[in-house]
Amino acid sequence: MSTSSGGRYHHGDLRAECLRAALDLLEESDEAALSLRAVARRAGVSPNAPYRHYPDKEALLAALATHGFHELRGILLDAGKAAPAGQEPVALAQAYVHYALDHPALFRLMFSRPCSPAHPEVRAAGDAAYAAISARVGTDAPQESHEPLLAGWWSLVHGLASLVLYGKLPRGGDIEEIDELVRGAVTAMCRP
């Protein structure tokens, strides 16, 4: 809740509160329904308060995408550390698909927007997530094959995540079936 005192605005962490409100709104509806006014209402602040941190909707969307890439990176790092030796590509793929299913609207937003020079933080966060993949996938391949293998892995896994997210694969599957599909596809792709 916001309070005013002597013309000064006070809110614990307005930036974070607005981001949380925007994430909730995004997952409840979609990007088109997001507005700074809607975020202000959800956060319980004045209609102009979000503008202190997000000058326009584009800045808010960039902050959401950046948040998503940071979150995805953390999940990928955890999956890579927990995976049995040699199973990192499968574990990361399953974590990636789970993230898409757990945060469908955010996942769509993260990958549907071009990397704008006006918001370099989005590219930096995306690059950090990619680095988490690069450190665990294709590391035993010859140096000249690492980038093509990585691009193939990411294309496959992102395609699987999208197909699962849109209900195309697997037909009527539960999470165990999805994990098995991902395991089979990644294992087949990573065979020497």
Protein backbone atom coordinates (compact mmCIF):
# COMPACT_ATOMS: atom_id res chain seq x y z
CA MET A 1 0.00 0.00 0.00
CA SER A 2 1.32 3.44 -0.80
CA THR A 3 1.43 6.35 1.57
CA SER A 4 2.19 9.99 1.05
CA SER A 5 3.98 12.16 3.51
CA GLY A 6 5.05 15.71 2.82
CA GLY A 7 4.81 15.19 -0.95
CA ARG A 8 7.19 12.21 -0.88
CA TYR A 9 6.14 8.80 -2.15
CA HIS A 10 6.82 5.76 0.04
CA HIS A 11 6.50 2.13 -0.95
CA GLY A 12 8.79 -0.66 0.21
CA ASP A 13 10.21 -1.68 -3.14
CA LEU A 14 8.00 -0.18 -5.81
CA ARG A 15 10.00 -1.60 -8.71
CA ALA A 16 9.77 -5.16 -7.40
CA GLU A 17 6.10 -4.77 -6.43
CA CYS A 18 5.21 -3.51 -9.90
CA LEU A 19 7.13 -6.38 -11.48
CA ARG A 20 5.28 -8.92 -9.30
CA ALA A 21 1.96 -7.33 -10.21
CA ALA A 22 2.88 -7.38 -13.91
CA LEU A 23 3.90 -11.05 -13.71
CA ASP A 24 0.57 -11.93 -12.10
CA LEU A 25 -1.38 -9.98 -14.71
CA LEU A 26 0.64 -11.48 -17.55
CA GLU A 27 -0.02 -15.04 -16.40
CA GLU A 28 -3.73 -14.32 -15.82
CA SER A 29 -4.30 -12.91 -19.29
CA ASP A 30 -1.58 -11.99 -21.78
CA GLU A 31 0.76 -9.24 -22.91
CA ALA A 32 -2.01 -7.30 -24.65
CA ALA A 33 -3.91 -6.85 -21.38
CA LEU A 34 -0.88 -5.48 -19.56
CA SER A 35 -0.76 -1.77 -18.92
CA LEU A 36 1.01 0.41 -16.39
CA ARG A 37 -2.38 1.46 -15.01
CA ALA A 38 -3.41 -2.18 -14.52
CA VAL A 39 -0.09 -2.83 -12.79
CA ALA A 40 -0.65 0.17 -10.51
CA ARG A 41 -4.13 -1.10 -9.58
CA ARG A 42 -2.79 -4.60 -8.85
CA ALA A 43 0.12 -3.23 -6.81
CA GLY A 44 -2.19 -0.92 -4.88
CA VAL A 45 -0.34 2.26 -5.82
CA SER A 46 -1.29 5.47 -7.58
CA PRO A 47 -1.76 5.28 -11.36
CA ASN A 48 1.43 7.27 -11.97
CA ALA A 49 3.65 5.38 -9.50
CA PRO A 50 4.91 2.67 -11.93
CA TYR A 51 6.21 5.39 -14.25
CA ARG A 52 8.91 6.12 -11.67
CA HIS A 53 10.63 2.88 -12.73
CA TYR A 54 9.03 1.97 -16.04
CA PRO A 55 8.66 4.98 -18.37
CA ASP A 56 6.43 3.03 -20.75
CA LYS A 57 4.93 -0.38 -21.41
CA GLU A 58 7.95 -1.39 -23.49
CA ALA A 59 10.24 -0.84 -20.48
CA LEU A 60 7.92 -2.94 -18.32
CA LEU A 61 7.89 -5.76 -20.90
CA ALA A 62 11.69 -5.61 -21.09
CA ALA A 63 11.88 -5.89 -17.30
CA LEU A 64 9.57 -8.91 -17.40
CA ALA A 65 11.65 -10.63 -20.09
CA THR A 66 14.85 -9.87 -18.18
CA HIS A 67 13.33 -11.34 -15.03
CA GLY A 68 12.27 -14.44 -16.95
CA PHE A 69 15.73 -15.03 -18.41
CA HIS A 70 17.34 -14.62 -14.98
CA GLU A 71 14.87 -17.07 -13.50
CA LEU A 72 15.39 -19.55 -16.35
CA ARG A 73 19.17 -19.29 -15.94
CA GLY A 74 18.89 -20.17 -12.24
CA ILE A 75 16.70 -23.16 -12.99
CA LEU A 76 19.10 -24.37 -15.68
CA LEU A 77 22.11 -23.99 -13.39
CA ASP A 78 20.35 -25.98 -10.66
CA ALA A 79 19.34 -28.71 -13.12
CA GLY A 80 22.87 -28.97 -14.47
CA LYS A 81 24.38 -29.29 -10.99
CA ALA A 82 21.85 -31.93 -9.91
CA ALA A 83 22.12 -34.05 -13.06
CA PRO A 84 24.04 -37.31 -13.02
CA ALA A 85 27.26 -37.20 -15.04
CA GLY A 86 26.50 -37.42 -18.73
CA GLN A 87 22.81 -36.57 -18.27
CA GLU A 88 23.19 -32.78 -18.17
CA PRO A 89 21.71 -32.18 -21.66
CA VAL A 90 18.57 -34.16 -20.74
CA ALA A 91 18.21 -32.55 -17.30
CA LEU A 92 18.58 -29.05 -18.75
CA ALA A 93 16.09 -29.83 -21.51
CA GLN A 94 13.52 -31.10 -19.03
CA ALA A 95 14.04 -28.03 -16.82
CA TYR A 96 13.63 -25.76 -19.85
CA VAL A 97 10.35 -27.42 -20.86
CA HIS A 98 9.08 -27.35 -17.26
CA TYR A 99 9.83 -23.62 -17.10
CA ALA A 100 7.79 -23.06 -20.27
CA LEU A 101 4.87 -25.01 -18.81
CA ASP A 102 5.07 -23.31 -15.41
CA HIS A 103 5.27 -19.79 -16.88
CA PRO A 104 3.60 -19.95 -20.30
CA ALA A 105 2.83 -16.26 -20.80
CA LEU A 106 6.25 -15.14 -19.57
CA PHE A 107 7.98 -17.76 -21.72
CA ARG A 108 6.10 -16.53 -24.79
CA LEU A 109 6.99 -12.93 -23.95
CA MET A 110 10.68 -13.75 -23.47
CA PHE A 111 11.01 -15.29 -26.90
CA SER A 112 8.48 -13.33 -28.94
CA ARG A 113 10.12 -9.93 -28.64
CA PRO A 114 13.17 -8.82 -30.60
CA CYS A 115 16.24 -7.82 -28.62
CA SER A 116 15.94 -4.04 -28.71
CA PRO A 117 19.06 -1.88 -28.42
CA ALA A 118 16.96 0.30 -26.11
CA HIS A 119 16.92 -2.54 -23.55
CA PRO A 120 20.36 -4.23 -23.53
CA GLU A 121 19.54 -5.82 -20.18
CA VAL A 122 17.21 -8.28 -21.96
CA ARG A 123 19.98 -9.46 -24.28
CA ALA A 124 22.43 -9.70 -21.38
CA ALA A 125 20.00 -11.83 -19.36
CA GLY A 126 19.28 -14.03 -22.39
CA ASP A 127 23.02 -14.43 -23.01
CA ALA A 128 23.50 -15.46 -19.37
CA ALA A 129 20.81 -18.14 -19.73
CA TYR A 130 22.48 -19.32 -22.94
CA ALA A 131 25.82 -19.48 -21.13
CA ALA A 132 24.27 -21.79 -18.52
CA ILE A 133 23.32 -24.12 -21.38
CA SER A 134 26.66 -23.75 -23.16
CA ALA A 135 28.57 -24.79 -20.02
CA ARG A 136 26.72 -28.13 -19.82
CA VAL A 137 25.68 -29.12 -23.35
CA GLY A 138 28.10 -30.42 -25.96
CA THR A 139 31.16 -29.84 -23.83
CA ASP A 140 32.65 -33.18 -24.85
CA ALA A 141 32.31 -32.36 -28.57
CA PRO A 142 35.29 -31.04 -30.53
CA GLN A 143 35.61 -27.26 -30.18
CA GLU A 144 34.51 -26.61 -33.78
CA SER A 145 31.34 -28.65 -33.20
CA HIS A 146 30.32 -27.07 -29.89
CA GLU A 147 28.37 -24.09 -31.25
CA PRO A 148 26.50 -26.06 -33.96
CA LEU A 149 25.63 -28.76 -31.41
CA LEU A 150 24.49 -26.13 -28.94
CA ALA A 151 22.33 -24.42 -31.59
CA GLY A 152 20.81 -27.79 -32.51
CA TRP A 153 20.13 -28.65 -28.87
CA TRP A 154 18.50 -25.29 -28.18
CA SER A 155 16.42 -25.45 -31.36
CA LEU A 156 15.22 -28.93 -30.49
CA VAL A 157 14.43 -28.14 -26.86
CA HIS A 158 12.78 -24.79 -27.58
CA GLY A 159 10.73 -26.45 -30.31
CA LEU A 160 9.68 -29.20 -27.91
CA ALA A 161 8.79 -26.65 -25.24
CA SER A 162 6.69 -24.69 -27.75
CA LEU A 163 4.94 -27.77 -29.09
CA VAL A 164 4.15 -29.00 -25.57
CA LEU A 165 3.04 -25.52 -24.51
CA TYR A 166 0.63 -25.27 -27.45
CA GLY A 167 -0.75 -28.76 -26.81
CA LYS A 168 0.71 -30.34 -29.96
CA LEU A 169 3.04 -32.81 -28.21
CA PRO A 170 2.56 -35.23 -26.58
CA ARG A 171 -1.08 -35.79 -27.25
CA GLY A 172 -2.78 -35.62 -23.83
CA GLY A 173 0.49 -36.24 -22.00
CA ASP A 174 1.21 -35.76 -18.34
CA ILE A 175 4.53 -34.48 -17.02
CA GLU A 176 6.11 -37.94 -16.89
CA GLU A 177 5.21 -38.52 -20.54
CA ILE A 178 6.57 -35.08 -21.45
CA ASP A 179 9.81 -35.79 -19.58
CA GLU A 180 10.17 -39.09 -21.41
CA LEU A 181 9.55 -37.44 -24.78
CA VAL A 182 12.19 -34.79 -24.01
CA ARG A 183 14.64 -37.44 -22.78
CA GLY A 184 14.20 -39.51 -25.93
CA ALA A 185 14.53 -36.57 -28.32
CA VAL A 186 17.60 -35.10 -26.60
CA THR A 187 19.28 -38.49 -26.23
CA ALA A 188 18.73 -39.26 -29.91
CA MET A 189 20.10 -35.85 -30.94
CA CYS A 190 23.18 -36.08 -28.71
CA ARG A 191 24.25 -39.54 -29.86
CA PRO A 192 27.67 -39.55 -31.51
